[in-house]
Amino acid sequence: MPASLATSLLRAAALAAALAGCASITPAPVLAPAAPVLHSVAEADSALAMAAAGRASAEARFAQADRLCYQRFFVNACRDEAAETRRIALAKVRALEVEGERYKRQAAVDAREGALAAAEREDRERQARLEAQQATAPAPVVHSEPQAPRVAPPKRAPRPVASAGELAAQEAANAERRAQNAQAYERRRADSERRQRAVQERKAAKAEKAARAAKAGAGAQGGPSSQSGQASQSSAPAH
């Protein structure tokens, strides 16, 4: 057997063994990392900062390893290994992020509830102090001022009863006043009617004047044409 053929067979066997070994390797399951125990907001902030730094570092290592994998014979296997390493690192980072964010949210809720509880407690204490002060305060002394005696208003003198003569004179005066009012009303009505008639007469005069002016204008326009027509008829030869 030539040496070149033997070398080719050996290389083929080695490649087959390597492929079989790669096919039999399965990634071990990665358990979820335990969440850290935090005791303060400062620790939560520190955990989030560490998570951010760890995520940046894992991404940078993966990018570098992914570039180096293209220089190897088994590129895909190398890239899978780099991706698995990145996944494990990011799982740890994510555990820090989740716990840090959860602790800060819970701390904010606790602080808000604590502030509300403190405000309610202060209100209750203030109300209790006010009630205690009102209970122990002496009753106010009311000094009654002497009231001035009421003075009865003076009584009106009774109106004198009018005699029969006075009643008759009053009735005559009322009748005369009513007659004067009636006469004044009649004068106002007559004046109003007279003014209305004057307005109507002026309107009628204006309308009549406008009609005469229109009639005169129509006659002036038709005069020359009628005269020229008569002249043409007189100058025409007799047949």
C-alpha atoms as a PDB file:
ATOM      1  CA  MET A   1       0.000   0.000   0.000  1.00  0.00           C
ATOM      2  CA  PRO A   2       1.525   3.342  -0.901  1.00  0.00           C
ATOM      3  CA  ALA A   3       2.374   5.695   1.971  1.00  0.00           C
ATOM      4  CA  SER A   4       0.115   8.467   0.693  1.00  0.00           C
ATOM      5  CA  LEU A   5      -2.902   6.165   0.752  1.00  0.00           C
ATOM      6  CA  ALA A   6      -2.145   5.009   4.282  1.00  0.00           C
ATOM      7  CA  THR A   7      -1.863   8.614   5.436  1.00  0.00           C
ATOM      8  CA  SER A   8      -5.206   9.438   3.859  1.00  0.00           C
ATOM      9  CA  LEU A   9      -6.873   6.511   5.590  1.00  0.00           C
ATOM     10  CA  LEU A  10      -5.430   7.506   8.954  1.00  0.00           C
ATOM     11  CA  ARG A  11      -6.702  11.058   8.559  1.00  0.00           C
ATOM     12  CA  ALA A  12     -10.171   9.839   7.601  1.00  0.00           C
ATOM     13  CA  ALA A  13     -10.302   7.566  10.641  1.00  0.00           C
ATOM     14  CA  ALA A  14      -9.228  10.363  12.963  1.00  0.00           C
ATOM     15  CA  LEU A  15     -11.864  12.696  11.498  1.00  0.00           C
ATOM     16  CA  ALA A  16     -14.579  10.064  11.926  1.00  0.00           C
ATOM     17  CA  ALA A  17     -13.555   9.464  15.546  1.00  0.00           C
ATOM     18  CA  ALA A  18     -13.596  13.174  16.261  1.00  0.00           C
ATOM     19  CA  LEU A  19     -17.042  13.624  14.710  1.00  0.00           C
ATOM     20  CA  ALA A  20     -18.374  10.666  16.672  1.00  0.00           C
ATOM     21  CA  GLY A  21     -16.986  12.114  19.892  1.00  0.00           C
ATOM     22  CA  CYS A  22     -18.550  15.507  19.167  1.00  0.00           C
ATOM     23  CA  ALA A  23     -21.893  13.913  18.400  1.00  0.00           C
ATOM     24  CA  SER A  24     -21.884  12.012  21.698  1.00  0.00           C
ATOM     25  CA  ILE A  25     -21.188  15.110  23.781  1.00  0.00           C
ATOM     26  CA  THR A  26     -24.354  16.728  25.140  1.00  0.00           C
ATOM     27  CA  PRO A  27     -24.297  19.956  27.150  1.00  0.00           C
ATOM     28  CA  ALA A  28     -24.858  19.390  30.834  1.00  0.00           C
ATOM     29  CA  PRO A  29     -28.006  21.041  32.156  1.00  0.00           C
ATOM     30  CA  VAL A  30     -27.315  24.282  33.925  1.00  0.00           C
ATOM     31  CA  LEU A  31     -29.278  24.778  37.102  1.00  0.00           C
ATOM     32  CA  ALA A  32     -30.697  28.228  37.794  1.00  0.00           C
ATOM     33  CA  PRO A  33     -28.270  30.069  40.067  1.00  0.00           C
ATOM     34  CA  ALA A  34     -29.437  30.827  43.571  1.00  0.00           C
ATOM     35  CA  ALA A  35     -30.606  34.387  44.038  1.00  0.00           C
ATOM     36  CA  PRO A  36     -28.439  36.441  46.377  1.00  0.00           C
ATOM     37  CA  VAL A  37     -29.820  37.571  49.705  1.00  0.00           C
ATOM     38  CA  LEU A  38     -30.043  41.354  49.891  1.00  0.00           C
ATOM     39  CA  HIS A  39     -30.599  43.392  53.029  1.00  0.00           C
ATOM     40  CA  SER A  40     -30.645  47.026  51.890  1.00  0.00           C
ATOM     41  CA  VAL A  41     -31.198  49.254  48.887  1.00  0.00           C
ATOM     42  CA  ALA A  42     -27.477  49.915  48.775  1.00  0.00           C
ATOM     43  CA  GLU A  43     -26.823  46.202  48.407  1.00  0.00           C
ATOM     44  CA  ALA A  44     -29.464  46.047  45.665  1.00  0.00           C
ATOM     45  CA  ASP A  45     -27.789  48.923  43.806  1.00  0.00           C
ATOM     46  CA  SER A  46     -24.416  47.195  44.170  1.00  0.00           C
ATOM     47  CA  ALA A  47     -25.901  43.942  42.835  1.00  0.00           C
ATOM     48  CA  LEU A  48     -27.366  45.713  39.820  1.00  0.00           C
ATOM     49  CA  ALA A  49     -24.028  47.408  39.117  1.00  0.00           C
ATOM     50  CA  MET A  50     -22.251  44.027  39.352  1.00  0.00           C
ATOM     51  CA  ALA A  51     -24.892  42.539  37.027  1.00  0.00           C
ATOM     52  CA  ALA A  52     -24.336  45.267  34.454  1.00  0.00           C
ATOM     53  CA  ALA A  53     -20.565  44.783  34.603  1.00  0.00           C
ATOM     54  CA  GLY A  54     -20.962  40.991  34.379  1.00  0.00           C
ATOM     55  CA  ARG A  55     -23.273  41.254  31.379  1.00  0.00           C
ATOM     56  CA  ALA A  56     -20.826  43.532  29.555  1.00  0.00           C
ATOM     57  CA  SER A  57     -17.931  41.194  30.372  1.00  0.00           C
ATOM     58  CA  ALA A  58     -19.850  38.103  29.213  1.00  0.00           C
ATOM     59  CA  GLU A  59     -20.772  39.757  25.930  1.00  0.00           C
ATOM     60  CA  ALA A  60     -17.182  40.859  25.351  1.00  0.00           C
ATOM     61  CA  ARG A  61     -15.799  37.337  26.087  1.00  0.00           C
ATOM     62  CA  PHE A  62     -18.379  35.788  23.787  1.00  0.00           C
ATOM     63  CA  ALA A  63     -17.537  38.186  20.948  1.00  0.00           C
ATOM     64  CA  GLN A  64     -13.838  37.421  21.319  1.00  0.00           C
ATOM     65  CA  ALA A  65     -14.380  33.655  21.535  1.00  0.00           C
ATOM     66  CA  ASP A  66     -16.715  33.743  18.537  1.00  0.00           C
ATOM     67  CA  ARG A  67     -14.031  35.441  16.459  1.00  0.00           C
ATOM     68  CA  LEU A  68     -11.418  32.886  17.546  1.00  0.00           C
ATOM     69  CA  CYS A  69     -13.729  30.018  16.632  1.00  0.00           C
ATOM     70  CA  TYR A  70     -13.373  30.848  12.928  1.00  0.00           C
ATOM     71  CA  GLN A  71      -9.670  30.009  13.238  1.00  0.00           C
ATOM     72  CA  ARG A  72     -10.394  26.442  14.398  1.00  0.00           C
ATOM     73  CA  PHE A  73     -11.238  23.335  12.431  1.00  0.00           C
ATOM     74  CA  PHE A  74     -14.592  22.642  14.120  1.00  0.00           C
ATOM     75  CA  VAL A  75     -16.098  26.137  13.897  1.00  0.00           C
ATOM     76  CA  ASN A  76     -19.686  25.278  14.811  1.00  0.00           C
ATOM     77  CA  ALA A  77     -18.730  23.207  17.834  1.00  0.00           C
ATOM     78  CA  CYS A  78     -16.503  26.029  19.052  1.00  0.00           C
ATOM     79  CA  ARG A  79     -19.252  28.602  18.589  1.00  0.00           C
ATOM     80  CA  ASP A  80     -21.752  26.387  20.407  1.00  0.00           C
ATOM     81  CA  GLU A  81     -19.361  26.093  23.333  1.00  0.00           C
ATOM     82  CA  ALA A  82     -18.841  29.850  23.411  1.00  0.00           C
ATOM     83  CA  ALA A  83     -22.600  30.422  23.303  1.00  0.00           C
ATOM     84  CA  GLU A  84     -23.127  27.978  26.158  1.00  0.00           C
ATOM     85  CA  THR A  85     -20.496  29.747  28.242  1.00  0.00           C
ATOM     86  CA  ARG A  86     -22.210  33.059  27.515  1.00  0.00           C
ATOM     87  CA  ARG A  87     -25.606  31.594  28.480  1.00  0.00           C
ATOM     88  CA  ILE A  88     -24.301  30.373  31.837  1.00  0.00           C
ATOM     89  CA  ALA A  89     -22.696  33.722  32.605  1.00  0.00           C
ATOM     90  CA  LEU A  90     -25.820  35.645  31.637  1.00  0.00           C
ATOM     91  CA  ALA A  91     -27.982  33.344  33.781  1.00  0.00           C
ATOM     92  CA  LYS A  92     -25.956  34.359  36.817  1.00  0.00           C
ATOM     93  CA  VAL A  93     -26.151  38.005  35.791  1.00  0.00           C
ATOM     94  CA  ARG A  94     -29.907  37.759  35.316  1.00  0.00           C
ATOM     95  CA  ALA A  95     -30.321  36.303  38.797  1.00  0.00           C
ATOM     96  CA  LEU A  96     -28.558  39.367  40.229  1.00  0.00           C
ATOM     97  CA  GLU A  97     -30.706  41.717  38.142  1.00  0.00           C
ATOM     98  CA  VAL A  98     -33.990  40.068  39.087  1.00  0.00           C
ATOM     99  CA  GLU A  99     -33.232  40.058  42.805  1.00  0.00           C
ATOM    100  CA  GLY A 100     -31.897  43.616  42.811  1.00  0.00           C
ATOM    101  CA  GLU A 101     -34.931  44.997  40.949  1.00  0.00           C
ATOM    102  CA  ARG A 102     -37.336  42.985  43.121  1.00  0.00           C
ATOM    103  CA  TYR A 103     -35.732  44.255  46.330  1.00  0.00           C
ATOM    104  CA  LYS A 104     -35.849  47.890  45.172  1.00  0.00           C
ATOM    105  CA  ARG A 105     -39.511  47.610  44.164  1.00  0.00           C
ATOM    106  CA  GLN A 106     -40.411  46.069  47.494  1.00  0.00           C
ATOM    107  CA  ALA A 107     -38.394  48.700  49.338  1.00  0.00           C
ATOM    108  CA  ALA A 108     -40.285  51.470  47.503  1.00  0.00           C
ATOM    109  CA  VAL A 109     -43.628  49.859  48.386  1.00  0.00           C
ATOM    110  CA  ASP A 110     -42.586  49.461  52.036  1.00  0.00           C
ATOM    111  CA  ALA A 111     -41.430  53.083  52.211  1.00  0.00           C
ATOM    112  CA  ARG A 112     -44.695  54.355  50.724  1.00  0.00           C
ATOM    113  CA  GLU A 113     -46.791  52.236  53.079  1.00  0.00           C
ATOM    114  CA  GLY A 114     -44.626  53.334  56.016  1.00  0.00           C
ATOM    115  CA  ALA A 115     -45.133  56.996  55.128  1.00  0.00           C
ATOM    116  CA  LEU A 116     -48.902  56.492  54.906  1.00  0.00           C
ATOM    117  CA  ALA A 117     -48.963  54.648  58.218  1.00  0.00           C
ATOM    118  CA  ALA A 118     -46.893  57.390  59.875  1.00  0.00           C
ATOM    119  CA  ALA A 119     -49.237  60.082  58.519  1.00  0.00           C
ATOM    120  CA  GLU A 120     -52.294  58.211  59.797  1.00  0.00           C
ATOM    121  CA  ARG A 121     -50.655  57.681  63.188  1.00  0.00           C
ATOM    122  CA  GLU A 122     -49.796  61.386  63.416  1.00  0.00           C
ATOM    123  CA  ASP A 123     -53.382  62.307  62.552  1.00  0.00           C
ATOM    124  CA  ARG A 124     -54.728  59.990  65.234  1.00  0.00           C
ATOM    125  CA  GLU A 125     -52.330  61.391  67.833  1.00  0.00           C
ATOM    126  CA  ARG A 126     -53.223  64.981  66.941  1.00  0.00           C
ATOM    127  CA  GLN A 127     -56.931  64.193  67.155  1.00  0.00           C
ATOM    128  CA  ALA A 128     -56.405  62.528  70.525  1.00  0.00           C
ATOM    129  CA  ARG A 129     -54.531  65.589  71.834  1.00  0.00           C
ATOM    130  CA  LEU A 130     -57.303  67.899  70.681  1.00  0.00           C
ATOM    131  CA  GLU A 131     -59.956  65.765  72.328  1.00  0.00           C
ATOM    132  CA  ALA A 132     -57.923  65.660  75.560  1.00  0.00           C
ATOM    133  CA  GLN A 133     -57.503  69.438  75.538  1.00  0.00           C
ATOM    134  CA  GLN A 134     -61.213  69.954  74.972  1.00  0.00           C
ATOM    135  CA  ALA A 135     -62.068  67.535  77.778  1.00  0.00           C
ATOM    136  CA  THR A 136     -59.766  69.212  80.331  1.00  0.00           C
ATOM    137  CA  ALA A 137     -60.409  72.835  79.294  1.00  0.00           C
ATOM    138  CA  PRO A 138     -62.710  74.756  81.721  1.00  0.00           C
ATOM    139  CA  ALA A 139     -66.086  75.746  80.453  1.00  0.00           C
ATOM    140  CA  PRO A 140     -66.115  79.342  79.215  1.00  0.00           C
ATOM    141  CA  VAL A 141     -67.778  81.864  81.525  1.00  0.00           C
ATOM    142  CA  VAL A 142     -70.493  83.806  79.787  1.00  0.00           C
ATOM    143  CA  HIS A 143     -70.957  87.317  81.193  1.00  0.00           C
ATOM    144  CA  SER A 144     -74.489  88.420  80.578  1.00  0.00           C
ATOM    145  CA  GLU A 145     -74.815  92.155  80.007  1.00  0.00           C
ATOM    146  CA  PRO A 146     -77.803  93.917  81.513  1.00  0.00           C
ATOM    147  CA  GLN A 147     -80.398  94.622  78.930  1.00  0.00           C
ATOM    148  CA  ALA A 148     -81.899  98.044  78.641  1.00  0.00           C
ATOM    149  CA  PRO A 149     -85.622  98.200  79.278  1.00  0.00           C
ATOM    150  CA  ARG A 150     -87.657  98.150  76.162  1.00  0.00           C
ATOM    151  CA  VAL A 151     -89.507 101.348  75.364  1.00  0.00           C
ATOM    152  CA  ALA A 152     -92.900 100.891  73.841  1.00  0.00           C
ATOM    153  CA  PRO A 153     -93.361 102.848  70.625  1.00  0.00           C
ATOM    154  CA  PRO A 154     -95.736 105.806  70.873  1.00  0.00           C
ATOM    155  CA  LYS A 155     -99.286 105.038  69.988  1.00  0.00           C
ATOM    156  CA  ARG A 156    -100.666 106.635  66.883  1.00  0.00           C
ATOM    157  CA  ALA A 157    -103.556 108.967  67.292  1.00  0.00           C
ATOM    158  CA  PRO A 158    -106.754 107.621  65.753  1.00  0.00           C
ATOM    159  CA  ARG A 159    -107.600 109.125  62.430  1.00  0.00           C
ATOM    160  CA  PRO A 160    -110.573 111.486  62.641  1.00  0.00           C
ATOM    161  CA  VAL A 161    -113.764 110.322  61.016  1.00  0.00           C
ATOM    162  CA  ALA A 162    -114.627 112.495  58.001  1.00  0.00           C
ATOM    163  CA  SER A 163    -118.000 114.165  57.985  1.00  0.00           C
ATOM    164  CA  ALA A 164    -120.580 113.817  55.225  1.00  0.00           C
ATOM    165  CA  GLY A 165    -119.663 117.184  53.763  1.00  0.00           C
ATOM    166  CA  GLU A 166    -115.992 116.313  53.624  1.00  0.00           C
ATOM    167  CA  LEU A 167    -116.752 112.993  51.951  1.00  0.00           C
ATOM    168  CA  ALA A 168    -118.900 114.765  49.342  1.00  0.00           C
ATOM    169  CA  ALA A 169    -116.164 117.331  48.655  1.00  0.00           C
ATOM    170  CA  GLN A 170    -113.558 114.566  48.308  1.00  0.00           C
ATOM    171  CA  GLU A 171    -115.785 112.654  45.911  1.00  0.00           C
ATOM    172  CA  ALA A 172    -116.330 115.782  43.803  1.00  0.00           C
ATOM    173  CA  ALA A 173    -112.581 116.395  43.661  1.00  0.00           C
ATOM    174  CA  ASN A 174    -112.002 112.800  42.556  1.00  0.00           C
ATOM    175  CA  ALA A 175    -114.657 113.111  39.857  1.00  0.00           C
ATOM    176  CA  GLU A 176    -113.118 116.327  38.560  1.00  0.00           C
ATOM    177  CA  ARG A 177    -109.689 114.693  38.463  1.00  0.00           C
ATOM    178  CA  ARG A 178    -111.075 111.719  36.540  1.00  0.00           C
ATOM    179  CA  ALA A 179    -112.735 114.058  34.034  1.00  0.00           C
ATOM    180  CA  GLN A 180    -109.480 115.950  33.538  1.00  0.00           C
ATOM    181  CA  ASN A 181    -107.626 112.674  32.964  1.00  0.00           C
ATOM    182  CA  ALA A 182    -110.238 111.623  30.402  1.00  0.00           C
ATOM    183  CA  GLN A 183    -109.990 114.952  28.567  1.00  0.00           C
ATOM    184  CA  ALA A 184    -106.200 114.755  28.526  1.00  0.00           C
ATOM    185  CA  TYR A 185    -106.402 111.203  27.116  1.00  0.00           C
ATOM    186  CA  GLU A 186    -108.824 112.337  24.376  1.00  0.00           C
ATOM    187  CA  ARG A 187    -106.468 115.214  23.443  1.00  0.00           C
ATOM    188  CA  ARG A 188    -103.503 112.870  23.199  1.00  0.00           C
ATOM    189  CA  ARG A 189    -105.506 110.434  21.063  1.00  0.00           C
ATOM    190  CA  ALA A 190    -106.678 113.252  18.732  1.00  0.00           C
ATOM    191  CA  ASP A 191    -103.122 114.543  18.379  1.00  0.00           C
ATOM    192  CA  SER A 192    -101.891 111.045  17.547  1.00  0.00           C
ATOM    193  CA  GLU A 193    -104.551 110.566  14.892  1.00  0.00           C
ATOM    194  CA  ARG A 194    -103.776 113.977  13.401  1.00  0.00           C
ATOM    195  CA  ARG A 195    -100.092 113.168  13.197  1.00  0.00           C
ATOM    196  CA  GLN A 196    -100.840 109.807  11.549  1.00  0.00           C
ATOM    197  CA  ARG A 197    -103.101 111.523   8.955  1.00  0.00           C
ATOM    198  CA  ALA A 198    -100.383 114.069   8.215  1.00  0.00           C
ATOM    199  CA  VAL A 199     -97.863 111.292   7.659  1.00  0.00           C
ATOM    200  CA  GLN A 200    -100.237 109.447   5.333  1.00  0.00           C
ATOM    201  CA  GLU A 201    -100.940 112.646   3.365  1.00  0.00           C
ATOM    202  CA  ARG A 202     -97.237 113.344   2.956  1.00  0.00           C
ATOM    203  CA  LYS A 203     -96.663 109.780   1.747  1.00  0.00           C
ATOM    204  CA  ALA A 204     -99.549 110.071  -0.734  1.00  0.00           C
ATOM    205  CA  ALA A 205     -98.199 113.426  -2.024  1.00  0.00           C
ATOM    206  CA  LYS A 206     -94.746 111.961  -2.524  1.00  0.00           C
ATOM    207  CA  ALA A 207     -96.219 108.974  -4.379  1.00  0.00           C
ATOM    208  CA  GLU A 208     -98.335 111.218  -6.620  1.00  0.00           C
ATOM    209  CA  LYS A 209     -95.348 113.446  -7.364  1.00  0.00           C
ATOM    210  CA  ALA A 210     -93.218 110.428  -8.263  1.00  0.00           C
ATOM    211  CA  ALA A 211     -95.964 109.105 -10.558  1.00  0.00           C
ATOM    212  CA  ARG A 212     -96.238 112.470 -12.384  1.00  0.00           C
ATOM    213  CA  ALA A 213     -92.461 112.611 -12.783  1.00  0.00           C
ATOM    214  CA  ALA A 214     -92.399 109.082 -14.220  1.00  0.00           C
ATOM    215  CA  LYS A 215     -95.221 109.895 -16.624  1.00  0.00           C
ATOM    216  CA  ALA A 216     -93.486 113.085 -17.767  1.00  0.00           C
ATOM    217  CA  GLY A 217     -90.242 111.207 -18.370  1.00  0.00           C
ATOM    218  CA  ALA A 218     -92.012 108.564 -20.459  1.00  0.00           C
ATOM    219  CA  GLY A 219     -93.686 111.289 -22.594  1.00  0.00           C
ATOM    220  CA  ALA A 220     -90.365 113.053 -23.185  1.00  0.00           C
ATOM    221  CA  GLN A 221     -88.767 109.825 -24.419  1.00  0.00           C
ATOM    222  CA  GLY A 222     -91.650 108.940 -26.827  1.00  0.00           C
ATOM    223  CA  GLY A 223     -92.124 112.521 -28.274  1.00  0.00           C
ATOM    224  CA  PRO A 224     -89.260 112.785 -30.809  1.00  0.00           C
ATOM    225  CA  SER A 225     -89.819 109.309 -32.215  1.00  0.00           C
ATOM    226  CA  SER A 226     -93.506 109.972 -32.812  1.00  0.00           C
ATOM    227  CA  GLN A 227     -92.771 113.299 -34.495  1.00  0.00           C
ATOM    228  CA  SER A 228     -90.149 111.714 -36.811  1.00  0.00           C
ATOM    229  CA  GLY A 229     -92.653 109.012 -37.711  1.00  0.00           C
ATOM    230  CA  GLN A 230     -95.270 111.584 -38.675  1.00  0.00           C
ATOM    231  CA  ALA A 231     -92.736 113.513 -40.764  1.00  0.00           C
ATOM    232  CA  SER A 232     -91.695 110.404 -42.673  1.00  0.00           C
ATOM    233  CA  GLN A 233     -95.302 109.566 -43.442  1.00  0.00           C
ATOM    234  CA  SER A 234     -95.978 113.051 -44.807  1.00  0.00           C
ATOM    235  CA  SER A 235     -92.849 113.050 -47.029  1.00  0.00           C
ATOM    236  CA  ALA A 236     -93.576 109.634 -48.571  1.00  0.00           C
ATOM    237  CA  PRO A 237     -94.919 109.815 -52.250  1.00  0.00           C
ATOM    238  CA  ALA A 238     -98.506 108.967 -52.855  1.00  0.00           C
ATOM    239  CA  HIS A 239     -99.161 105.790 -54.860  1.00  0.00           C
END
